[in-house]
Amino acid sequence: MTLLDERQASEQDARRWYLYVLETARGALYTGITTDVARRFEEHQTSKRGARSLRGKGPLRLLHQQPLGSHSEALKLEAWLKKQPAPAKRAWLEGQGASS
């Protein structure tokens, strides 16, 4: 692999999108997408940059994170998962190997 190939691979990794699922202290599920799961999780827990719907509902638990290729792919999976009722989301998470 050449230096140029390594640089391109690194840039692709930097642009990789992730779907993530959080669980609130009361068991509610939150689904989102980001390019940096650790940063976004920290924002949800401690900052005003986190989702308003999660404020005061901690502690939060990261149940699942899944790398996806593109922003479009991440948006599509996020939209589909958000439409599912909670039991279907939990079944999907179990199928993905997430523990809840």
C-alpha atoms as a PDB file:
ATOM      1  CA  MET A   1       0.000   0.000   0.000  1.00  0.00           C
ATOM      2  CA  THR A   2       1.422   3.356  -0.995  1.00  0.00           C
ATOM      3  CA  LEU A   3       1.402   6.477   1.135  1.00  0.00           C
ATOM      4  CA  LEU A   4      -1.378   7.905  -1.067  1.00  0.00           C
ATOM      5  CA  ASP A   5      -3.470   4.738  -0.592  1.00  0.00           C
ATOM      6  CA  GLU A   6      -2.967   4.928   3.184  1.00  0.00           C
ATOM      7  CA  ARG A   7      -3.998   8.578   3.214  1.00  0.00           C
ATOM      8  CA  GLN A   8      -7.143   7.872   1.195  1.00  0.00           C
ATOM      9  CA  ALA A   9      -8.052   4.961   3.488  1.00  0.00           C
ATOM     10  CA  SER A  10      -7.535   7.194   6.515  1.00  0.00           C
ATOM     11  CA  GLU A  11      -9.762   9.903   5.008  1.00  0.00           C
ATOM     12  CA  GLN A  12     -12.474   7.319   4.304  1.00  0.00           C
ATOM     13  CA  ASP A  13     -12.325   6.127   7.918  1.00  0.00           C
ATOM     14  CA  ALA A  14     -12.623   9.735   9.093  1.00  0.00           C
ATOM     15  CA  ARG A  15     -15.804  10.127   7.036  1.00  0.00           C
ATOM     16  CA  ARG A  16     -17.342   6.828   8.093  1.00  0.00           C
ATOM     17  CA  TRP A  17     -20.771   7.221   9.620  1.00  0.00           C
ATOM     18  CA  TYR A  18     -22.089   5.200  12.531  1.00  0.00           C
ATOM     19  CA  LEU A  19     -25.552   4.353  13.750  1.00  0.00           C
ATOM     20  CA  TYR A  20     -25.786   4.204  17.531  1.00  0.00           C
ATOM     21  CA  VAL A  21     -28.482   3.320  20.044  1.00  0.00           C
ATOM     22  CA  LEU A  22     -28.566   4.632  23.611  1.00  0.00           C
ATOM     23  CA  GLU A  23     -30.724   3.566  26.513  1.00  0.00           C
ATOM     24  CA  THR A  24     -31.899   5.978  29.218  1.00  0.00           C
ATOM     25  CA  ALA A  25     -32.059   5.139  32.923  1.00  0.00           C
ATOM     26  CA  ARG A  26     -35.760   4.291  32.504  1.00  0.00           C
ATOM     27  CA  GLY A  27     -35.147   2.015  29.525  1.00  0.00           C
ATOM     28  CA  ALA A  28     -36.178   4.315  26.662  1.00  0.00           C
ATOM     29  CA  LEU A  29     -34.181   3.919  23.458  1.00  0.00           C
ATOM     30  CA  TYR A  30     -32.592   6.744  21.467  1.00  0.00           C
ATOM     31  CA  THR A  31     -31.216   6.228  17.958  1.00  0.00           C
ATOM     32  CA  GLY A  32     -28.789   8.559  16.203  1.00  0.00           C
ATOM     33  CA  ILE A  33     -25.977   8.794  13.657  1.00  0.00           C
ATOM     34  CA  THR A  34     -22.558  10.395  13.896  1.00  0.00           C
ATOM     35  CA  THR A  35     -19.010  10.210  12.607  1.00  0.00           C
ATOM     36  CA  ASP A  36     -17.628   9.908  16.163  1.00  0.00           C
ATOM     37  CA  VAL A  37     -19.634   7.785  18.594  1.00  0.00           C
ATOM     38  CA  ALA A  38     -17.460   8.488  21.656  1.00  0.00           C
ATOM     39  CA  ARG A  39     -17.675  12.266  21.143  1.00  0.00           C
ATOM     40  CA  ARG A  40     -21.424  12.173  20.525  1.00  0.00           C
ATOM     41  CA  PHE A  41     -22.059   9.948  23.564  1.00  0.00           C
ATOM     42  CA  GLU A  42     -20.098  12.386  25.725  1.00  0.00           C
ATOM     43  CA  GLU A  43     -22.104  15.307  24.290  1.00  0.00           C
ATOM     44  CA  HIS A  44     -25.375  13.565  25.116  1.00  0.00           C
ATOM     45  CA  GLN A  45     -24.233  12.994  28.700  1.00  0.00           C
ATOM     46  CA  THR A  46     -22.592  16.300  29.543  1.00  0.00           C
ATOM     47  CA  SER A  47     -23.192  19.101  27.095  1.00  0.00           C
ATOM     48  CA  LYS A  48     -25.854  21.312  25.623  1.00  0.00           C
ATOM     49  CA  ARG A  49     -24.875  19.878  22.246  1.00  0.00           C
ATOM     50  CA  GLY A  50     -26.547  16.603  23.213  1.00  0.00           C
ATOM     51  CA  ALA A  51     -30.122  15.783  22.241  1.00  0.00           C
ATOM     52  CA  ARG A  52     -32.634  17.811  24.224  1.00  0.00           C
ATOM     53  CA  SER A  53     -34.823  14.720  24.578  1.00  0.00           C
ATOM     54  CA  LEU A  54     -32.078  12.994  26.607  1.00  0.00           C
ATOM     55  CA  ARG A  55     -31.444  15.779  29.126  1.00  0.00           C
ATOM     56  CA  GLY A  56     -32.065  14.673  32.680  1.00  0.00           C
ATOM     57  CA  LYS A  57     -32.658  11.084  31.614  1.00  0.00           C
ATOM     58  CA  GLY A  58     -29.255   9.658  32.481  1.00  0.00           C
ATOM     59  CA  PRO A  59     -27.261   7.790  33.144  1.00  0.00           C
ATOM     60  CA  LEU A  60     -27.168   6.802  29.518  1.00  0.00           C
ATOM     61  CA  ARG A  61     -25.900   3.486  28.246  1.00  0.00           C
ATOM     62  CA  LEU A  62     -24.517   2.840  24.768  1.00  0.00           C
ATOM     63  CA  LEU A  63     -26.240  -0.349  23.605  1.00  0.00           C
ATOM     64  CA  HIS A  64     -25.091  -0.507  20.008  1.00  0.00           C
ATOM     65  CA  GLN A  65     -22.849   1.138  17.468  1.00  0.00           C
ATOM     66  CA  GLN A  66     -22.525   0.077  13.866  1.00  0.00           C
ATOM     67  CA  PRO A  67     -20.212   1.472  11.189  1.00  0.00           C
ATOM     68  CA  LEU A  68     -21.925   2.303   7.918  1.00  0.00           C
ATOM     69  CA  GLY A  69     -20.397   3.436   4.659  1.00  0.00           C
ATOM     70  CA  SER A  70     -22.024   6.745   3.884  1.00  0.00           C
ATOM     71  CA  HIS A  71     -24.144   9.462   5.427  1.00  0.00           C
ATOM     72  CA  SER A  72     -27.017   8.410   3.169  1.00  0.00           C
ATOM     73  CA  GLU A  73     -26.800   4.789   4.297  1.00  0.00           C
ATOM     74  CA  ALA A  74     -26.715   5.894   7.947  1.00  0.00           C
ATOM     75  CA  LEU A  75     -29.740   8.168   7.494  1.00  0.00           C
ATOM     76  CA  LYS A  76     -31.764   5.404   5.868  1.00  0.00           C
ATOM     77  CA  LEU A  77     -31.063   2.871   8.626  1.00  0.00           C
ATOM     78  CA  GLU A  78     -31.689   5.487  11.323  1.00  0.00           C
ATOM     79  CA  ALA A  79     -35.047   6.455   9.776  1.00  0.00           C
ATOM     80  CA  TRP A  80     -36.091   2.813   9.477  1.00  0.00           C
ATOM     81  CA  LEU A  81     -35.107   1.989  13.058  1.00  0.00           C
ATOM     82  CA  LYS A  82     -36.817   5.077  14.489  1.00  0.00           C
ATOM     83  CA  LYS A  83     -40.088   3.951  12.895  1.00  0.00           C
ATOM     84  CA  GLN A  84     -39.990   0.589  14.669  1.00  0.00           C
ATOM     85  CA  PRO A  85     -41.886   0.073  17.933  1.00  0.00           C
ATOM     86  CA  ALA A  86     -39.698  -0.496  21.004  1.00  0.00           C
ATOM     87  CA  PRO A  87     -40.114  -4.316  21.052  1.00  0.00           C
ATOM     88  CA  ALA A  88     -39.050  -4.506  17.383  1.00  0.00           C
ATOM     89  CA  LYS A  89     -36.044  -2.262  18.080  1.00  0.00           C
ATOM     90  CA  ARG A  90     -34.968  -4.502  20.946  1.00  0.00           C
ATOM     91  CA  ALA A  91     -35.382  -7.602  18.776  1.00  0.00           C
ATOM     92  CA  TRP A  92     -33.286  -5.942  16.058  1.00  0.00           C
ATOM     93  CA  LEU A  93     -30.628  -5.052  18.644  1.00  0.00           C
ATOM     94  CA  GLU A  94     -30.538  -8.639  19.889  1.00  0.00           C
ATOM     95  CA  GLY A  95     -30.068  -9.817  16.308  1.00  0.00           C
ATOM     96  CA  GLN A  96     -27.142  -7.407  16.008  1.00  0.00           C
ATOM     97  CA  GLY A  97     -25.519  -8.822  19.134  1.00  0.00           C
ATOM     98  CA  ALA A  98     -26.300  -5.848  21.388  1.00  0.00           C
ATOM     99  CA  SER A  99     -27.076  -6.537  25.026  1.00  0.00           C
ATOM    100  CA  SER A 100     -29.941  -4.683  26.635  1.00  0.00           C
END
